[in-house]
């Protein structure tokens, strides 16, 4: 049951949708992967103009929320990054520290939970599996194809469920 009096949601992924992670992916290309360094470098991510513009545009009709695989310990840096790059204010859903199932499993679950109370107007994400699963569940999707995909990041996301 949705609350039709409230604005619909536009749900945005962060990494490689709003923020360009290319400069920090080197930390995932080594063994063992250096997750601490990977997340510590996140405040230095350049913004992805296409994603930021779409978030700003979406804010005219929707409440913009962010859904990320970043761990909760990165919340302060993430909120500061979003504000510094002109992203609309909104809730940010992050993983609990130590929570590591792949995004393709967790993000559609969160979308369904959000949709019980509000209309989810769109999901914007770069992960093809997350997009496929969200579309299969009936959610409108914009595939964020504006960042350069990283094989190391994709493998780490699916194998270790870290982002």
C-alpha atoms as a PDB file:
ATOM      1  CA  UNK A   1       0.000   0.000   0.000  1.00  0.00           C
ATOM      2  CA  UNK A   2       1.643   3.235  -1.082  1.00  0.00           C
ATOM      3  CA  UNK A   3       1.098   6.701   0.313  1.00  0.00           C
ATOM      4  CA  UNK A   4      -0.017   8.548  -2.819  1.00  0.00           C
ATOM      5  CA  UNK A   5       0.114  11.937  -1.036  1.00  0.00           C
ATOM      6  CA  UNK A   6       3.901  11.703  -0.780  1.00  0.00           C
ATOM      7  CA  UNK A   7       6.275  12.374  -3.644  1.00  0.00           C
ATOM      8  CA  UNK A   8       7.541   9.322  -5.525  1.00  0.00           C
ATOM      9  CA  UNK A   9      11.116   8.170  -5.071  1.00  0.00           C
ATOM     10  CA  UNK A  10      13.991   8.378  -7.530  1.00  0.00           C
ATOM     11  CA  UNK A  11      16.620   5.928  -6.282  1.00  0.00           C
ATOM     12  CA  UNK A  12      20.244   6.503  -7.266  1.00  0.00           C
ATOM     13  CA  UNK A  13      23.226   4.222  -6.856  1.00  0.00           C
ATOM     14  CA  UNK A  14      26.411   6.110  -5.929  1.00  0.00           C
ATOM     15  CA  UNK A  15      29.549   4.401  -7.229  1.00  0.00           C
ATOM     16  CA  UNK A  16      29.869   4.733 -11.012  1.00  0.00           C
ATOM     17  CA  UNK A  17      26.445   6.358 -11.198  1.00  0.00           C
ATOM     18  CA  UNK A  18      27.026   9.640  -9.344  1.00  0.00           C
ATOM     19  CA  UNK A  19      30.686   9.188  -8.359  1.00  0.00           C
ATOM     20  CA  UNK A  20      33.536   8.096 -10.619  1.00  0.00           C
ATOM     21  CA  UNK A  21      35.500   5.353  -8.835  1.00  0.00           C
ATOM     22  CA  UNK A  22      38.114   4.849 -11.569  1.00  0.00           C
ATOM     23  CA  UNK A  23      40.942   6.457  -9.558  1.00  0.00           C
ATOM     24  CA  UNK A  24      40.482   4.020  -6.648  1.00  0.00           C
ATOM     25  CA  UNK A  25      39.817   0.779  -8.470  1.00  0.00           C
ATOM     26  CA  UNK A  26      43.545   0.015  -8.366  1.00  0.00           C
ATOM     27  CA  UNK A  27      43.025  -1.033  -4.745  1.00  0.00           C
ATOM     28  CA  UNK A  28      40.806  -3.881  -5.969  1.00  0.00           C
ATOM     29  CA  UNK A  29      43.188  -5.088  -8.670  1.00  0.00           C
ATOM     30  CA  UNK A  30      45.713  -6.451  -6.172  1.00  0.00           C
ATOM     31  CA  UNK A  31      45.571  -9.477  -3.906  1.00  0.00           C
ATOM     32  CA  UNK A  32      44.489  -9.189  -1.251  1.00  0.00           C
ATOM     33  CA  UNK A  33      42.137  -6.384  -2.166  1.00  0.00           C
ATOM     34  CA  UNK A  34      42.634  -3.266  -0.065  1.00  0.00           C
ATOM     35  CA  UNK A  35      39.063  -2.364   0.862  1.00  0.00           C
ATOM     36  CA  UNK A  36      40.095   0.124   3.520  1.00  0.00           C
ATOM     37  CA  UNK A  37      42.094   2.145   0.971  1.00  0.00           C
ATOM     38  CA  UNK A  38      39.313   1.776  -1.620  1.00  0.00           C
ATOM     39  CA  UNK A  39      36.720   3.335   0.690  1.00  0.00           C
ATOM     40  CA  UNK A  40      39.166   5.874   2.179  1.00  0.00           C
ATOM     41  CA  UNK A  41      39.699   7.293  -1.320  1.00  0.00           C
ATOM     42  CA  UNK A  42      35.955   7.741  -1.980  1.00  0.00           C
ATOM     43  CA  UNK A  43      35.847  11.395  -0.841  1.00  0.00           C
ATOM     44  CA  UNK A  44      38.140  12.182  -3.778  1.00  0.00           C
ATOM     45  CA  UNK A  45      35.823  10.686  -6.421  1.00  0.00           C
ATOM     46  CA  UNK A  46      35.129  13.073  -9.275  1.00  0.00           C
ATOM     47  CA  UNK A  47      31.411  13.573  -9.890  1.00  0.00           C
ATOM     48  CA  UNK A  48      29.817  12.023 -12.959  1.00  0.00           C
ATOM     49  CA  UNK A  49      28.066  14.969 -14.631  1.00  0.00           C
ATOM     50  CA  UNK A  50      25.362  12.843 -16.281  1.00  0.00           C
ATOM     51  CA  UNK A  51      24.372  11.194 -13.018  1.00  0.00           C
ATOM     52  CA  UNK A  52      24.418  14.419 -11.002  1.00  0.00           C
ATOM     53  CA  UNK A  53      22.315  16.214 -13.633  1.00  0.00           C
ATOM     54  CA  UNK A  54      19.769  13.382 -13.670  1.00  0.00           C
ATOM     55  CA  UNK A  55      19.533  13.444  -9.854  1.00  0.00           C
ATOM     56  CA  UNK A  56      18.988  17.220  -9.850  1.00  0.00           C
ATOM     57  CA  UNK A  57      16.398  16.914 -12.627  1.00  0.00           C
ATOM     58  CA  UNK A  58      14.638  14.081 -10.782  1.00  0.00           C
ATOM     59  CA  UNK A  59      14.352  16.212  -7.638  1.00  0.00           C
ATOM     60  CA  UNK A  60      11.770  18.398  -9.378  1.00  0.00           C
ATOM     61  CA  UNK A  61       9.190  15.592  -9.256  1.00  0.00           C
ATOM     62  CA  UNK A  62      10.634  13.049  -6.816  1.00  0.00           C
ATOM     63  CA  UNK A  63      12.330  12.626  -3.503  1.00  0.00           C
ATOM     64  CA  UNK A  64      15.855  11.549  -4.418  1.00  0.00           C
ATOM     65  CA  UNK A  65      17.367   8.818  -2.269  1.00  0.00           C
ATOM     66  CA  UNK A  66      20.689   7.055  -2.604  1.00  0.00           C
ATOM     67  CA  UNK A  67      21.174   3.323  -2.345  1.00  0.00           C
ATOM     68  CA  UNK A  68      24.783   2.232  -2.059  1.00  0.00           C
ATOM     69  CA  UNK A  69      26.873  -0.778  -1.227  1.00  0.00           C
ATOM     70  CA  UNK A  70      29.284   1.418   0.724  1.00  0.00           C
ATOM     71  CA  UNK A  71      29.528   0.409   4.375  1.00  0.00           C
ATOM     72  CA  UNK A  72      27.909   2.502   7.083  1.00  0.00           C
ATOM     73  CA  UNK A  73      31.319   3.627   8.352  1.00  0.00           C
ATOM     74  CA  UNK A  74      31.570   5.744   5.164  1.00  0.00           C
ATOM     75  CA  UNK A  75      28.360   7.699   5.896  1.00  0.00           C
ATOM     76  CA  UNK A  76      29.942  11.035   6.886  1.00  0.00           C
ATOM     77  CA  UNK A  77      32.295  11.098   3.877  1.00  0.00           C
ATOM     78  CA  UNK A  78      29.429  10.070   1.583  1.00  0.00           C
ATOM     79  CA  UNK A  79      27.039  12.760   2.845  1.00  0.00           C
ATOM     80  CA  UNK A  80      29.773  15.407   2.555  1.00  0.00           C
ATOM     81  CA  UNK A  81      30.571  14.248  -0.994  1.00  0.00           C
ATOM     82  CA  UNK A  82      26.911  14.385  -2.055  1.00  0.00           C
ATOM     83  CA  UNK A  83      26.494  17.911  -0.640  1.00  0.00           C
ATOM     84  CA  UNK A  84      29.777  19.154  -2.138  1.00  0.00           C
ATOM     85  CA  UNK A  85      28.721  18.029  -5.616  1.00  0.00           C
ATOM     86  CA  UNK A  86      25.238  19.528  -5.584  1.00  0.00           C
ATOM     87  CA  UNK A  87      23.250  16.329  -5.194  1.00  0.00           C
ATOM     88  CA  UNK A  88      19.726  16.753  -3.859  1.00  0.00           C
ATOM     89  CA  UNK A  89      19.382  16.073  -0.152  1.00  0.00           C
ATOM     90  CA  UNK A  90      17.737  12.789   0.685  1.00  0.00           C
ATOM     91  CA  UNK A  91      18.033   9.597   2.603  1.00  0.00           C
ATOM     92  CA  UNK A  92      21.080   7.429   1.985  1.00  0.00           C
ATOM     93  CA  UNK A  93      20.757   3.669   2.410  1.00  0.00           C
ATOM     94  CA  UNK A  94      24.104   2.009   3.168  1.00  0.00           C
ATOM     95  CA  UNK A  95      25.254  -1.470   4.127  1.00  0.00           C
ATOM     96  CA  UNK A  96      25.765  -2.292   7.746  1.00  0.00           C
ATOM     97  CA  UNK A  97      29.464  -2.691   8.454  1.00  0.00           C
ATOM     98  CA  UNK A  98      30.324  -6.333   7.765  1.00  0.00           C
ATOM     99  CA  UNK A  99      27.207  -6.945   5.607  1.00  0.00           C
ATOM    100  CA  UNK A 100      28.439  -8.420   2.312  1.00  0.00           C
ATOM    101  CA  UNK A 101      25.824 -10.066   0.097  1.00  0.00           C
ATOM    102  CA  UNK A 102      26.069  -8.959  -3.556  1.00  0.00           C
ATOM    103  CA  UNK A 103      24.176  -5.789  -4.533  1.00  0.00           C
ATOM    104  CA  UNK A 104      22.095  -7.782  -7.029  1.00  0.00           C
ATOM    105  CA  UNK A 105      20.540  -9.514  -3.989  1.00  0.00           C
ATOM    106  CA  UNK A 106      20.278  -6.628  -1.543  1.00  0.00           C
ATOM    107  CA  UNK A 107      19.237  -3.698  -3.741  1.00  0.00           C
ATOM    108  CA  UNK A 108      16.050  -5.244  -5.198  1.00  0.00           C
ATOM    109  CA  UNK A 109      15.024  -6.192  -1.642  1.00  0.00           C
ATOM    110  CA  UNK A 110      15.448  -2.590  -0.500  1.00  0.00           C
ATOM    111  CA  UNK A 111      13.521  -1.346  -3.549  1.00  0.00           C
ATOM    112  CA  UNK A 112      10.610  -3.672  -2.731  1.00  0.00           C
ATOM    113  CA  UNK A 113      10.635  -2.457   0.869  1.00  0.00           C
ATOM    114  CA  UNK A 114      10.587   1.182  -0.258  1.00  0.00           C
ATOM    115  CA  UNK A 115       7.793   0.441  -2.748  1.00  0.00           C
ATOM    116  CA  UNK A 116       5.517  -0.835   0.024  1.00  0.00           C
ATOM    117  CA  UNK A 117       5.174   2.736   1.277  1.00  0.00           C
ATOM    118  CA  UNK A 118       6.008   4.886  -1.763  1.00  0.00           C
ATOM    119  CA  UNK A 119       6.021   4.773  -5.524  1.00  0.00           C
ATOM    120  CA  UNK A 120       9.512   4.094  -6.852  1.00  0.00           C
ATOM    121  CA  UNK A 121       9.515   6.159 -10.025  1.00  0.00           C
ATOM    122  CA  UNK A 122      12.993   5.076 -11.160  1.00  0.00           C
ATOM    123  CA  UNK A 123      16.180   3.283 -10.176  1.00  0.00           C
ATOM    124  CA  UNK A 124      19.400   4.656 -11.679  1.00  0.00           C
ATOM    125  CA  UNK A 125      22.277   2.170 -11.410  1.00  0.00           C
ATOM    126  CA  UNK A 126      25.374   1.058 -13.310  1.00  0.00           C
ATOM    127  CA  UNK A 127      25.275  -2.632 -12.329  1.00  0.00           C
ATOM    128  CA  UNK A 128      23.660  -4.636 -15.158  1.00  0.00           C
ATOM    129  CA  UNK A 129      22.563  -7.424 -12.807  1.00  0.00           C
ATOM    130  CA  UNK A 130      20.947  -5.006 -10.364  1.00  0.00           C
ATOM    131  CA  UNK A 131      19.199  -3.299 -13.289  1.00  0.00           C
ATOM    132  CA  UNK A 132      18.017  -6.625 -14.728  1.00  0.00           C
ATOM    133  CA  UNK A 133      16.672  -7.792 -11.368  1.00  0.00           C
ATOM    134  CA  UNK A 134      14.946  -4.462 -10.699  1.00  0.00           C
ATOM    135  CA  UNK A 135      13.314  -4.500 -14.137  1.00  0.00           C
ATOM    136  CA  UNK A 136      12.229  -8.089 -13.601  1.00  0.00           C
ATOM    137  CA  UNK A 137      10.621  -6.995 -10.316  1.00  0.00           C
ATOM    138  CA  UNK A 138       8.713  -4.286 -12.229  1.00  0.00           C
ATOM    139  CA  UNK A 139      10.747  -1.191 -11.393  1.00  0.00           C
ATOM    140  CA  UNK A 140      11.548   1.418 -14.061  1.00  0.00           C
ATOM    141  CA  UNK A 141      15.317   1.573 -14.568  1.00  0.00           C
ATOM    142  CA  UNK A 142      17.802   3.968 -16.103  1.00  0.00           C
ATOM    143  CA  UNK A 143      21.071   2.208 -16.765  1.00  0.00           C
ATOM    144  CA  UNK A 144      23.989   4.446 -15.844  1.00  0.00           C
ATOM    145  CA  UNK A 145      26.310   3.787 -18.764  1.00  0.00           C
ATOM    146  CA  UNK A 146      28.322   6.997 -18.418  1.00  0.00           C
ATOM    147  CA  UNK A 147      31.175   5.552 -16.303  1.00  0.00           C
ATOM    148  CA  UNK A 148      33.867   3.208 -17.555  1.00  0.00           C
ATOM    149  CA  UNK A 149      33.051  -0.279 -16.247  1.00  0.00           C
ATOM    150  CA  UNK A 150      35.687  -2.017 -14.147  1.00  0.00           C
ATOM    151  CA  UNK A 151      36.128  -5.778 -14.281  1.00  0.00           C
ATOM    152  CA  UNK A 152      37.939  -5.721 -10.923  1.00  0.00           C
ATOM    153  CA  UNK A 153      35.108  -3.808  -9.281  1.00  0.00           C
ATOM    154  CA  UNK A 154      32.408  -6.043 -10.794  1.00  0.00           C
ATOM    155  CA  UNK A 155      34.251  -9.200  -9.694  1.00  0.00           C
ATOM    156  CA  UNK A 156      34.720  -7.799  -6.187  1.00  0.00           C
ATOM    157  CA  UNK A 157      31.061  -6.772  -5.959  1.00  0.00           C
ATOM    158  CA  UNK A 158      29.815 -10.180  -6.972  1.00  0.00           C
ATOM    159  CA  UNK A 159      32.430 -12.255  -5.184  1.00  0.00           C
ATOM    160  CA  UNK A 160      32.835 -10.272  -1.990  1.00  0.00           C
ATOM    161  CA  UNK A 161      29.699  -8.104  -1.867  1.00  0.00           C
ATOM    162  CA  UNK A 162      31.587  -5.062  -0.697  1.00  0.00           C
ATOM    163  CA  UNK A 163      30.077  -2.233  -2.753  1.00  0.00           C
END
